[in-house]
Structures are given as structure tokens and as C-alpha cells.
Amino acid sequence: MPTSVRLLQVFVPADKRDAALEVLDDEGLDYVMTAERSARTDGDLVIFPVPTEAVDHVLTALREVGIEDDFIIVSSIETARTPRIEDLEERYVNGQAEDDSIAREEIRSRALNMTPGRLTYYAMTVLSALVATAGLLLDSPAIVVGSMVIAPQVSAALTGTVGLVLDDRSMVRDGLSSLVLGLVVAITSAFAFAWLVRFSGAIPSTIDITAIVQVQNRISPGLLALVVGVCAGAAGAFGLATAIPVSLVGVMIAVALIPAAAAVGIGLAWSHATVALGAAVLVAVNAASILLAGLAVFWYLGYRPDGWTRGTLRGNVSRDWIGTLAVVLVLGTVVVSGATVVLGHHVGFENDVNDEVRTVVDEEEYAALELVEVRTAFNDGGVVSDEAAVTVVVQRPADQPYPTLTETLERRLEERTDRDVVVSIEFVEGGTTADDGPGPSQ
């Protein structure tokens, strides 16, 4: 299997030459050395190829003998043929020293290289939001997946987390601001497009957007939404911090953000507050989870601020870095904790509704009915609406009326959940669906 190789160029001061060359010899590296004299100091430029997986280990060993980071260049090369390169590949790629992680210097460059120009970033965000909105309204999973492929949010999310763990405030500022503004642009674009679609007559303006399956998946989030955000952030960090390509990881991060942002815009365009709120909660919790999970993974993999040495935490970090990290951690924790409480409240309500609907349908009076689906709108706890909407889909014998089913379900659900509940019944007969809407069914 082909192995990626890096070419290192390290300036070694004259008084550190013997110690540095001893490190390279101990590591089994083949190198060339040229004398270099500058106005500052005398020394040598040492050039040597190493497998990507060995870069961090070799640089750490050089730092331990006093080689500073004043002049270190790490560049990619196609291949290298030196006497001992195959032994290095066997050791670091397939042997006991196997490790996919890349050097601290390289991870910063990879994160910055992922970041497109502002025009490209926001243009691609708009396009991905428009495609996601169209996919949601058309109820097309394929189109929604297409929107994730072109979404550029992975660069902003990973740049922000890399900046945090390496104490690079400019990266933190650029990454987090791009992520937040990008989501605002995505929501605004989705709203404008959905509003245009609604009032242009392209689709019926009275369509029930909560009945669209692709929209349902983003407006009624459960606790599993936390898992999606955490896994997306962790996968992004592992992808960037190792020799693994991050292209597919970008799709994973977009999965957690772009369709939900589009659902917020659709909810606003249809003036459906609970839809917009449910999707907005999903966007917030996923964004915060991605950042916190990415930060935790980078820290676990051993990435630290410049100049970090083993010892006490106080002796290694600056006040500015602690302040920035504390603000991000507090805000992220508040968002995730608050969203978890909201989602937990919604999940509890949803479980109560499902249990009570099954109990009612299982009663002897409704023995001929078969429960198909229960759809519960996002329960906002009365923030924007005093009522909770529930749609129950049941299969019944042809033309057999159930005039009291809606009233029975509303009464039983209100008693069970202590909330005002509006129930809509959809009867399925021979493959067709008849929506009786709120109120008694005939």
C-alpha cells in the first residue's frame, strides 16, 4: 500500500548539531546537511524524508534536545528512495510504532488549507441551503444528501476547534464566526427560497409541512440528535488529525447542520413557529456538539498549544487562552445542556403520546383499526404555542366511521400529558389516505 511521505527541513544551530544528528541516527533516518550562515547564528540545514506518521515523533525528539521551532518546513512529496526509508515505513506504518496522527504543524496547515475564500464559502453555503430546502419540500432524500456534499461547513468547524486547542486566536475567531454566520446565511437563504416557492404557487401554500417525512426528521429532534452532533465532531477531528482523508467527514458535519438549517427557513416561511423552533434547537445542539467533541478528540490525541511541556496546567497556558477556552466551553455547555433539557422534555411528551395512542387503539371499540404512524410536532413547552399537535395515521375497514376517535384521543392525551392537544386523524383505506383534520372524525 502506498505510504505518504513528508520532507522535513530543519535548521540546527551549530552548538546543537551533535545532539540533533544523534537523534536522527537513533531514529534510523537518512539525511543530508548543508552549512547555513545567517546574520543571526551559524548552523546547518538538515533535510530528511519521513513517513507522515513519524513527523510528530521526530520533531518531538528534536525539541527535547533543544532544537527550536524557528525554522522547520514540512512539505509533501510523492515518494522518497533512501537506504532506510522502507525500514521507517515498516516501523511507523505497519509495525509497533504505527500511528496515523500527523504533526502539530501540519494539522494547523491542513485546517487552514481546507478554508475556502469568503465568497466561495458563503456562495456554497447558499447553494447547499437552496438544494436542501428543495430536497425537504420534495421529500427527496437523494437531493438532501446532495446538499450535504457541497456544504462547506466542515472547514469552519474544524478551523475553530484546531485554533482552540493550539491557542491560535485568529483561527478561533475566523472559524467560529464563519460557522455562525454561515448558518445564519443558510437559514436566511432557505427562508427566502421557501417563501418564494410558497407564494409563487409552485406548491400549494396550504400544504402541511409537518407531514413531509424529510421535514419531520428535522423538526422533531430526539436525544439521538446529540449522538449525531458528537459523532460528526469527533469524526471531523479524527479525519483532520490523521492521514485519513476528510472529504467524507465534511459530509457528516453537513448532515448535522444544513438540512436542519433549511428546515428552520421553511418553518419561518410557513409561519410555523414550532417547526422553526424545533429545527433551530437541532441546529444549535449539533453545532455545539461538533465543536466540543472535536476539541475533546484533539486534546485526547495529544495536540497542545505552542510551547506546551508536561507538568502543571498553570505553567503551560496563557491567561488569554484560558479565557477563550472557558468562554467557548461555557457557551457550548450551556447550549448543549439547555437543548438536552428541551429535547428530553419533548421526548418524554412524545413517548407519553405514543403509549396513550396505542392504548386507545388497542381497546375493544377500535379493534378493527391498525395503528400505522404517530407524528408529534415539536413540544415547545408552551413557549410559542399553548397547544401540541399530534397526527395519528390508522388503517380502517373500508367506509367504517369512527366519529368519536378524535375526541377520545384528545381527551386521553390531555389527561396523560397535562397539555392542550389538537389531534388530526388520517384514515388509510385500500392504499389511500383521508385526512379528517382536527375535531371529530366521521
Protein backbone atom coordinates (compact mmCIF):
# COMPACT_ATOMS: atom_id res chain seq x y z
CA MET A 1 0.00 0.00 0.00
CA PRO A 2 1.47 3.42 -0.95
CA THR A 3 2.68 5.44 2.01
CA SER A 4 2.51 9.22 2.26
CA VAL A 5 5.88 10.84 2.87
CA ARG A 6 6.88 14.24 4.22
CA LEU A 7 10.14 16.12 3.58
CA LEU A 8 11.43 17.92 6.66
CA GLN A 9 13.88 20.81 6.55
CA VAL A 10 15.15 21.78 9.99
CA PHE A 11 17.64 24.47 10.90
CA VAL A 12 20.06 23.14 13.52
CA PRO A 13 22.31 25.64 15.37
CA ALA A 14 25.99 24.74 15.44
CA ASP A 15 26.01 24.08 19.19
CA LYS A 16 23.11 21.62 18.87
CA ARG A 17 24.43 19.78 15.81
CA ASP A 18 25.80 16.68 17.52
CA ALA A 19 22.70 16.17 19.67
CA ALA A 20 20.35 16.62 16.71
CA LEU A 21 22.28 14.26 14.44
CA GLU A 22 22.37 11.68 17.21
CA VAL A 23 18.54 11.81 17.35
CA LEU A 24 18.30 11.30 13.59
CA ASP A 25 20.74 8.40 13.70
CA ASP A 26 18.87 6.78 16.58
CA GLU A 27 15.64 7.05 14.62
CA GLY A 28 17.22 5.45 11.56
CA LEU A 29 16.75 8.50 9.33
CA ASP A 30 18.71 9.24 6.16
CA TYR A 31 19.56 12.93 5.90
CA VAL A 32 21.66 15.47 4.06
CA MET A 33 23.11 18.55 5.68
CA THR A 34 24.23 21.88 4.24
CA ALA A 35 26.06 24.64 6.08
CA GLU A 36 23.94 27.72 6.65
CA ARG A 37 25.20 31.02 7.94
CA SER A 38 22.79 33.84 8.61
CA ALA A 39 23.12 37.19 10.33
CA ARG A 40 21.65 35.69 13.47
CA THR A 41 23.60 32.48 14.01
CA ASP A 42 25.59 29.75 12.37
CA GLY A 43 24.20 26.30 11.83
CA ASP A 44 23.17 23.65 9.35
CA LEU A 45 20.04 22.96 7.32
CA VAL A 46 19.24 19.28 7.77
CA ILE A 47 16.92 17.71 5.16
CA PHE A 48 15.38 14.26 5.51
CA PRO A 49 12.27 12.31 4.39
CA VAL A 50 10.00 10.53 6.88
CA PRO A 51 6.62 8.78 6.69
CA THR A 52 3.77 11.13 7.60
CA GLU A 53 3.04 9.09 10.71
CA ALA A 54 6.58 9.71 12.04
CA VAL A 55 6.70 13.51 11.68
CA ASP A 56 5.35 14.36 15.11
CA HIS A 57 7.56 11.79 16.86
CA VAL A 58 10.74 13.03 15.16
CA LEU A 59 10.02 16.72 15.80
CA THR A 60 9.25 15.99 19.45
CA ALA A 61 12.59 14.18 19.81
CA LEU A 62 14.43 17.12 18.23
CA ARG A 63 12.73 19.60 20.55
CA GLU A 64 13.80 17.54 23.54
CA VAL A 65 17.47 18.12 22.63
CA GLY A 66 16.99 21.87 22.25
CA ILE A 67 16.01 22.37 18.60
CA GLU A 68 13.66 25.33 18.44
CA ASP A 69 10.78 25.80 16.01
CA ASP A 70 12.40 28.88 14.48
CA PHE A 71 12.87 27.24 11.08
CA ILE A 72 11.05 23.99 10.35
CA ILE A 73 9.47 23.21 6.99
CA VAL A 74 7.22 20.20 6.46
CA SER A 75 6.24 19.55 2.85
CA SER A 76 4.52 16.77 0.94
CA ILE A 77 6.42 14.72 -1.60
CA GLU A 78 5.28 11.97 -3.93
CA THR A 79 7.87 9.40 -2.92
CA ALA A 80 11.34 9.00 -1.43
CA ARG A 81 14.04 6.45 -2.13
CA THR A 82 16.69 6.41 0.57
CA PRO A 83 18.60 3.44 2.05
CA ARG A 84 16.41 3.10 5.15
CA ILE A 85 13.04 4.55 4.06
CA GLU A 86 11.44 1.10 3.78
CA ASP A 87 12.51 0.27 7.33
CA LEU A 88 10.87 3.50 8.52
CA GLU A 89 7.67 2.72 6.66
CA GLU A 90 7.57 -0.76 8.16
CA ARG A 91 8.13 0.68 11.63
CA TYR A 92 5.72 3.60 11.59
CA VAL A 93 3.05 2.40 9.15
CA ASN A 94 2.81 -1.31 9.83
CA GLY A 95 4.94 -2.02 12.89
CA GLN A 96 4.99 -1.31 16.62
CA ALA A 97 5.25 2.46 16.16
CA GLU A 98 2.18 2.56 13.91
CA ASP A 99 0.27 5.81 14.39
CA ASP A 100 -2.00 7.72 12.00
CA SER A 101 -1.62 11.07 13.75
CA ILE A 102 0.11 13.95 11.99
CA ALA A 103 2.36 16.66 13.37
CA ARG A 104 1.05 19.70 15.18
CA GLU A 105 2.49 21.99 12.50
CA GLU A 106 0.78 20.04 9.75
CA ILE A 107 -2.65 19.90 11.36
CA ARG A 108 -2.74 23.70 11.51
CA SER A 109 -1.82 23.92 7.82
CA ARG A 110 -4.41 21.30 6.87
CA ALA A 111 -7.14 23.18 8.72
CA LEU A 112 -6.21 26.47 7.05
CA ASN A 113 -5.92 24.85 3.61
CA MET A 114 -9.46 23.49 3.96
CA THR A 115 -10.86 27.00 4.34
CA PRO A 116 -12.07 28.49 1.04
CA GLY A 117 -12.26 32.21 0.32
CA ARG A 118 -15.17 34.13 1.84
CA LEU A 119 -17.01 34.46 -1.48
CA THR A 120 -16.69 30.74 -2.19
CA TYR A 121 -17.64 29.76 1.37
CA TYR A 122 -20.83 31.80 1.52
CA ALA A 123 -21.78 31.09 -2.09
CA MET A 124 -21.52 27.35 -1.48
CA THR A 125 -23.47 27.77 1.76
CA VAL A 126 -26.31 29.50 -0.11
CA LEU A 127 -26.33 26.84 -2.82
CA SER A 128 -26.33 23.97 -0.31
CA ALA A 129 -29.17 25.62 1.64
CA LEU A 130 -31.25 26.04 -1.53
CA VAL A 131 -30.69 22.42 -2.54
CA ALA A 132 -31.53 21.23 0.99
CA THR A 133 -34.74 23.31 1.01
CA ALA A 134 -35.80 21.87 -2.33
CA GLY A 135 -34.99 18.35 -1.12
CA LEU A 136 -37.02 18.78 2.06
CA LEU A 137 -40.06 20.19 0.25
CA LEU A 138 -39.86 17.49 -2.43
CA ASP A 139 -39.37 14.86 0.30
CA SER A 140 -36.34 13.58 -1.60
CA PRO A 141 -33.53 12.01 0.47
CA ALA A 142 -31.24 11.97 -2.58
CA ILE A 143 -31.49 15.73 -3.06
CA VAL A 144 -30.95 16.36 0.66
CA VAL A 145 -27.80 14.22 0.53
CA GLY A 146 -26.64 16.27 -2.45
CA SER A 147 -26.90 19.44 -0.39
CA MET A 148 -24.62 17.91 2.24
CA VAL A 149 -21.94 17.08 -0.32
CA ILE A 150 -21.49 20.70 -1.41
CA ALA A 151 -21.83 22.29 2.05
CA PRO A 152 -18.51 23.88 3.23
CA GLN A 153 -19.21 23.99 6.99
CA VAL A 154 -16.55 21.38 7.83
CA SER A 155 -13.79 23.96 7.26
CA ALA A 156 -15.24 26.48 9.71
CA ALA A 157 -15.99 23.91 12.41
CA LEU A 158 -12.55 22.29 12.31
CA THR A 159 -10.65 25.57 11.97
CA GLY A 160 -12.33 26.83 15.13
CA THR A 161 -11.55 23.71 17.16
CA VAL A 162 -7.94 23.50 15.92
CA GLY A 163 -7.47 27.15 16.84
CA LEU A 164 -8.80 26.48 20.33
CA VAL A 165 -6.56 23.53 21.05
CA LEU A 166 -3.43 25.19 19.55
CA ASP A 167 -4.10 28.58 21.15
CA ASP A 168 -4.38 30.39 17.80
CA ARG A 169 -6.91 33.15 18.44
CA SER A 170 -7.15 34.22 14.80
CA MET A 171 -8.15 30.68 13.82
CA VAL A 172 -10.70 30.59 16.62
CA ARG A 173 -12.18 33.90 15.57
CA ASP A 174 -12.28 33.05 11.87
CA GLY A 175 -13.61 29.52 12.37
CA LEU A 176 -16.37 30.26 14.86
CA SER A 177 -17.53 33.46 13.12
CA SER A 178 -17.64 31.65 9.77
CA LEU A 179 -19.64 28.80 11.29
CA VAL A 180 -22.20 31.08 12.95
CA LEU A 181 -22.54 33.46 10.01
CA GLY A 182 -22.68 30.52 7.60
CA LEU A 183 -25.63 29.03 9.47
CA VAL A 184 -27.37 32.42 9.53
CA VAL A 185 -26.82 32.72 5.76
CA ALA A 186 -28.14 29.17 5.26
CA ILE A 187 -31.30 29.86 7.28
CA THR A 188 -31.89 33.20 5.53
CA SER A 189 -31.40 31.65 2.09
CA ALA A 190 -33.72 28.76 2.93
CA PHE A 191 -36.37 31.17 4.20
CA ALA A 192 -36.22 33.36 1.09
CA PHE A 193 -36.40 30.37 -1.25
CA ALA A 194 -39.18 28.64 0.70
CA TRP A 195 -41.20 31.88 0.88
CA LEU A 196 -40.82 32.33 -2.89
CA VAL A 197 -41.86 28.71 -3.52
CA ARG A 198 -44.88 29.03 -1.24
CA PHE A 199 -46.31 32.23 -2.66
CA SER A 200 -45.37 31.62 -6.29
CA GLY A 201 -47.76 28.69 -6.43
CA ALA A 202 -45.04 26.15 -7.19
CA ILE A 203 -46.55 24.03 -4.42
CA PRO A 204 -49.85 24.52 -2.58
CA SER A 205 -49.41 27.20 0.09
CA THR A 206 -51.71 25.23 2.39
CA ILE A 207 -49.53 22.11 2.34
CA ASP A 208 -48.88 20.65 5.79
CA ILE A 209 -45.11 20.84 6.02
CA THR A 210 -45.14 18.73 9.18
CA ALA A 211 -46.47 15.81 7.11
CA ILE A 212 -43.37 15.77 4.88
CA VAL A 213 -41.13 12.96 6.11
CA GLN A 214 -37.84 14.75 5.39
CA VAL A 215 -39.07 17.82 7.28
CA GLN A 216 -40.38 15.70 10.16
CA ASN A 217 -36.90 14.27 10.71
CA ARG A 218 -35.50 17.75 11.36
CA ILE A 219 -38.28 19.45 13.31
CA SER A 220 -38.95 16.83 15.97
CA PRO A 221 -35.46 16.07 17.27
CA GLY A 222 -34.84 13.44 19.91
CA LEU A 223 -31.91 12.77 22.20
CA LEU A 224 -30.26 10.81 19.40
CA ALA A 225 -29.66 14.20 17.75
CA LEU A 226 -26.93 14.69 20.35
CA VAL A 227 -25.26 11.50 19.16
CA VAL A 228 -25.22 12.77 15.57
CA GLY A 229 -23.54 16.05 16.54
CA VAL A 230 -20.99 14.41 18.83
CA CYS A 231 -20.07 11.75 16.27
CA ALA A 232 -19.78 14.35 13.49
CA GLY A 233 -17.39 16.49 15.55
CA ALA A 234 -15.33 13.51 16.68
CA ALA A 235 -15.11 12.10 13.14
CA GLY A 236 -14.06 15.50 11.81
CA ALA A 237 -11.28 15.79 14.37
CA PHE A 238 -10.00 12.25 13.74
CA GLY A 239 -10.11 12.84 9.99
CA LEU A 240 -8.12 16.07 10.19
CA ALA A 241 -5.63 14.87 12.81
CA THR A 242 -4.68 11.69 10.98
CA ALA A 243 -3.64 10.68 7.50
CA ILE A 244 -7.30 9.84 6.74
CA PRO A 245 -8.97 11.98 4.02
CA VAL A 246 -11.52 14.42 5.45
CA SER A 247 -13.79 14.75 2.38
CA LEU A 248 -16.34 12.24 3.67
CA VAL A 249 -16.10 13.72 7.16
CA GLY A 250 -17.26 17.03 5.70
CA VAL A 251 -20.47 15.34 4.56
CA MET A 252 -21.01 14.03 8.10
CA ILE A 253 -20.74 17.52 9.60
CA ALA A 254 -23.07 18.89 6.92
CA VAL A 255 -25.59 16.15 7.79
CA ALA A 256 -25.84 17.60 11.28
CA LEU A 257 -26.26 21.23 10.18
CA ILE A 258 -27.52 22.08 6.69
CA PRO A 259 -30.85 20.17 6.44
CA ALA A 260 -31.84 21.39 9.91
CA ALA A 261 -30.95 24.98 8.96
CA ALA A 262 -33.09 24.61 5.83
CA ALA A 263 -35.97 23.33 7.99
CA VAL A 264 -35.73 26.49 10.12
CA GLY A 265 -36.14 28.59 6.97
CA ILE A 266 -39.12 26.50 5.83
CA GLY A 267 -40.79 26.89 9.21
CA LEU A 268 -40.33 30.67 9.07
CA ALA A 269 -41.65 30.86 5.50
CA TRP A 270 -44.79 28.93 6.50
CA SER A 271 -45.14 30.99 9.72
CA HIS A 272 -45.00 27.72 11.64
CA ALA A 273 -43.26 28.70 14.88
CA THR A 274 -42.97 25.21 16.36
CA VAL A 275 -41.35 23.89 13.18
CA ALA A 276 -38.79 26.71 13.16
CA LEU A 277 -38.11 26.31 16.88
CA GLY A 278 -37.68 22.53 16.73
CA ALA A 279 -35.25 22.76 13.81
CA ALA A 280 -33.38 25.68 15.45
CA VAL A 281 -32.85 23.59 18.59
CA LEU A 282 -31.42 20.82 16.42
CA VAL A 283 -29.04 23.26 14.66
CA ALA A 284 -27.83 24.73 17.95
CA VAL A 285 -27.24 21.42 19.71
CA ASN A 286 -25.46 19.90 16.72
CA ALA A 287 -23.18 22.91 16.21
CA ALA A 288 -22.20 22.99 19.89
CA SER A 289 -21.73 19.21 19.98
CA ILE A 290 -19.47 19.29 16.93
CA LEU A 291 -17.20 21.92 18.49
CA LEU A 292 -17.00 20.30 21.92
CA ALA A 293 -16.48 16.78 20.56
CA GLY A 294 -13.80 17.99 18.15
CA LEU A 295 -11.98 19.81 20.95
CA ALA A 296 -12.07 16.71 23.17
CA VAL A 297 -10.70 14.45 20.40
CA PHE A 298 -7.86 16.84 19.51
CA TRP A 299 -6.90 17.05 23.18
CA TYR A 300 -7.08 13.26 23.53
CA LEU A 301 -4.78 12.85 20.52
CA GLY A 302 -2.17 14.98 22.26
CA TYR A 303 -2.43 18.34 20.50
CA ARG A 304 -1.49 21.25 22.74
CA PRO A 305 -0.68 24.98 22.44
CA ASP A 306 2.78 26.03 21.23
CA GLY A 307 5.44 25.62 23.91
CA TRP A 308 3.44 23.14 25.95
CA THR A 309 5.53 21.00 28.28
CA ARG A 310 4.49 18.20 30.58
CA GLY A 311 3.75 19.46 34.05
CA THR A 312 1.16 21.61 35.75
CA LEU A 313 -1.60 23.18 33.71
CA ARG A 314 -0.94 26.63 35.19
CA GLY A 315 2.63 26.69 33.93
CA ASN A 316 1.65 25.88 30.34
CA VAL A 317 -1.26 28.11 29.39
CA SER A 318 -1.71 31.82 28.97
CA ARG A 319 -4.49 33.83 30.53
CA ASP A 320 -5.83 34.73 27.07
CA TRP A 321 -6.02 31.06 26.04
CA ILE A 322 -7.75 30.06 29.26
CA GLY A 323 -10.24 32.91 28.80
CA THR A 324 -11.04 31.98 25.20
CA LEU A 325 -11.34 28.29 26.00
CA ALA A 326 -13.51 28.98 29.05
CA VAL A 327 -15.92 31.16 27.05
CA VAL A 328 -16.30 28.52 24.33
CA LEU A 329 -16.70 25.69 26.84
CA VAL A 330 -19.26 27.60 28.91
CA LEU A 331 -21.31 28.67 25.87
CA GLY A 332 -21.13 25.19 24.35
CA THR A 333 -22.08 23.52 27.62
CA VAL A 334 -24.98 25.92 28.14
CA VAL A 335 -26.29 25.29 24.62
CA VAL A 336 -25.92 21.51 24.85
CA SER A 337 -27.34 21.33 28.39
CA GLY A 338 -30.27 23.62 27.58
CA ALA A 339 -31.01 21.76 24.38
CA THR A 340 -30.77 18.45 26.21
CA VAL A 341 -33.38 19.60 28.72
CA VAL A 342 -35.66 20.81 25.91
CA LEU A 343 -35.16 17.62 23.91
CA GLY A 344 -35.70 15.50 27.00
CA HIS A 345 -38.99 17.30 27.65
CA HIS A 346 -40.04 16.72 24.05
CA VAL A 347 -39.01 13.04 24.08
CA GLY A 348 -40.96 12.48 27.29
CA PHE A 349 -44.03 14.09 25.75
CA GLU A 350 -43.61 12.06 22.56
CA ASN A 351 -43.31 8.78 24.49
CA ASP A 352 -46.44 9.57 26.51
CA VAL A 353 -48.35 10.33 23.32
CA ASN A 354 -47.23 7.11 21.61
CA ASP A 355 -48.10 4.99 24.63
CA GLU A 356 -51.53 6.54 25.09
CA VAL A 357 -52.43 6.34 21.39
CA ARG A 358 -51.54 2.63 21.35
CA THR A 359 -53.59 2.09 24.49
CA VAL A 360 -56.66 3.71 22.92
CA VAL A 361 -56.33 1.90 19.59
CA ASP A 362 -55.94 -1.43 21.39
CA GLU A 363 -59.31 -1.02 23.12
CA GLU A 364 -62.16 -3.29 22.02
CA GLU A 365 -64.13 -0.42 20.47
CA TYR A 366 -61.30 0.14 17.96
CA ALA A 367 -60.26 -3.48 17.47
CA ALA A 368 -60.67 -3.19 13.69
CA LEU A 369 -58.17 -0.33 13.49
CA GLU A 370 -54.46 -0.81 12.89
CA LEU A 371 -52.08 1.92 14.03
CA VAL A 372 -49.78 3.00 11.19
CA GLU A 373 -47.94 6.06 12.50
CA VAL A 374 -47.99 8.73 15.17
CA ARG A 375 -46.47 12.12 14.33
CA THR A 376 -45.87 14.53 17.19
CA ALA A 377 -44.99 18.15 16.49
CA PHE A 378 -42.13 19.62 18.50
CA ASN A 379 -43.30 20.26 22.03
CA ASP A 380 -42.00 23.72 22.94
CA GLY A 381 -43.41 23.60 26.46
CA GLY A 382 -45.78 26.47 25.72
CA VAL A 383 -43.07 28.92 24.56
CA VAL A 384 -44.74 29.80 21.25
CA SER A 385 -47.95 27.76 21.38
CA ASP A 386 -50.30 26.61 24.11
CA GLU A 387 -51.33 23.61 22.04
CA ALA A 388 -49.45 20.50 20.94
CA ALA A 389 -50.30 18.96 17.58
CA VAL A 390 -50.48 15.20 17.13
CA THR A 391 -51.27 13.37 13.89
CA VAL A 392 -52.40 9.75 14.10
CA VAL A 393 -52.46 7.56 10.99
CA VAL A 394 -54.63 4.43 11.26
CA GLN A 395 -55.85 1.82 8.82
CA ARG A 396 -59.58 1.01 8.97
CA PRO A 397 -62.03 -1.22 7.14
CA ALA A 398 -63.47 0.49 4.08
CA ASP A 399 -66.10 3.15 4.83
CA GLN A 400 -66.36 2.28 8.52
CA PRO A 401 -66.77 5.53 10.52
CA TYR A 402 -65.20 6.27 13.88
CA PRO A 403 -66.88 9.54 14.88
CA THR A 404 -65.59 9.62 18.45
CA LEU A 405 -61.95 8.63 17.88
CA THR A 406 -60.53 12.14 17.61
CA GLU A 407 -62.41 13.38 20.66
CA THR A 408 -61.37 10.31 22.66
CA LEU A 409 -57.71 10.70 21.73
CA GLU A 410 -57.67 14.42 22.55
CA ARG A 411 -59.24 13.85 25.96
CA ARG A 412 -56.97 10.94 26.86
CA LEU A 413 -53.81 12.69 25.65
CA GLU A 414 -54.64 15.87 27.57
CA GLU A 415 -55.16 13.83 30.73
CA ARG A 416 -51.89 11.95 30.17
CA THR A 417 -49.67 14.93 29.24
CA ASP A 418 -51.40 17.79 31.05
CA ARG A 419 -51.25 19.82 27.82
CA ASP A 420 -53.85 21.07 25.34
CA VAL A 421 -53.59 18.66 22.42
CA VAL A 422 -55.03 19.00 18.91
CA VAL A 423 -55.39 15.62 17.22
CA SER A 424 -55.65 15.01 13.47
CA ILE A 425 -56.71 11.58 12.25
CA GLU A 426 -55.60 10.22 8.88
CA PHE A 427 -57.52 7.10 7.82
CA VAL A 428 -55.83 4.74 5.36
CA GLU A 429 -58.24 2.73 3.22
CA GLY A 430 -57.04 0.42 0.49
CA GLY A 431 -53.79 2.35 -0.02
CA THR A 432 -55.38 5.84 0.07
CA THR A 433 -55.30 8.39 2.84
CA ALA A 434 -58.19 10.56 4.03
CA ASP A 435 -57.31 13.41 6.38
CA ASP A 436 -60.16 14.19 8.75
CA GLY A 437 -58.23 17.04 10.43
CA PRO A 438 -58.84 18.29 13.96
CA GLY A 439 -62.17 17.57 15.56
CA PRO A 440 -64.47 14.54 15.49
CA SER A 441 -63.93 12.16 12.57
CA GLN A 442 -66.85 10.95 10.53
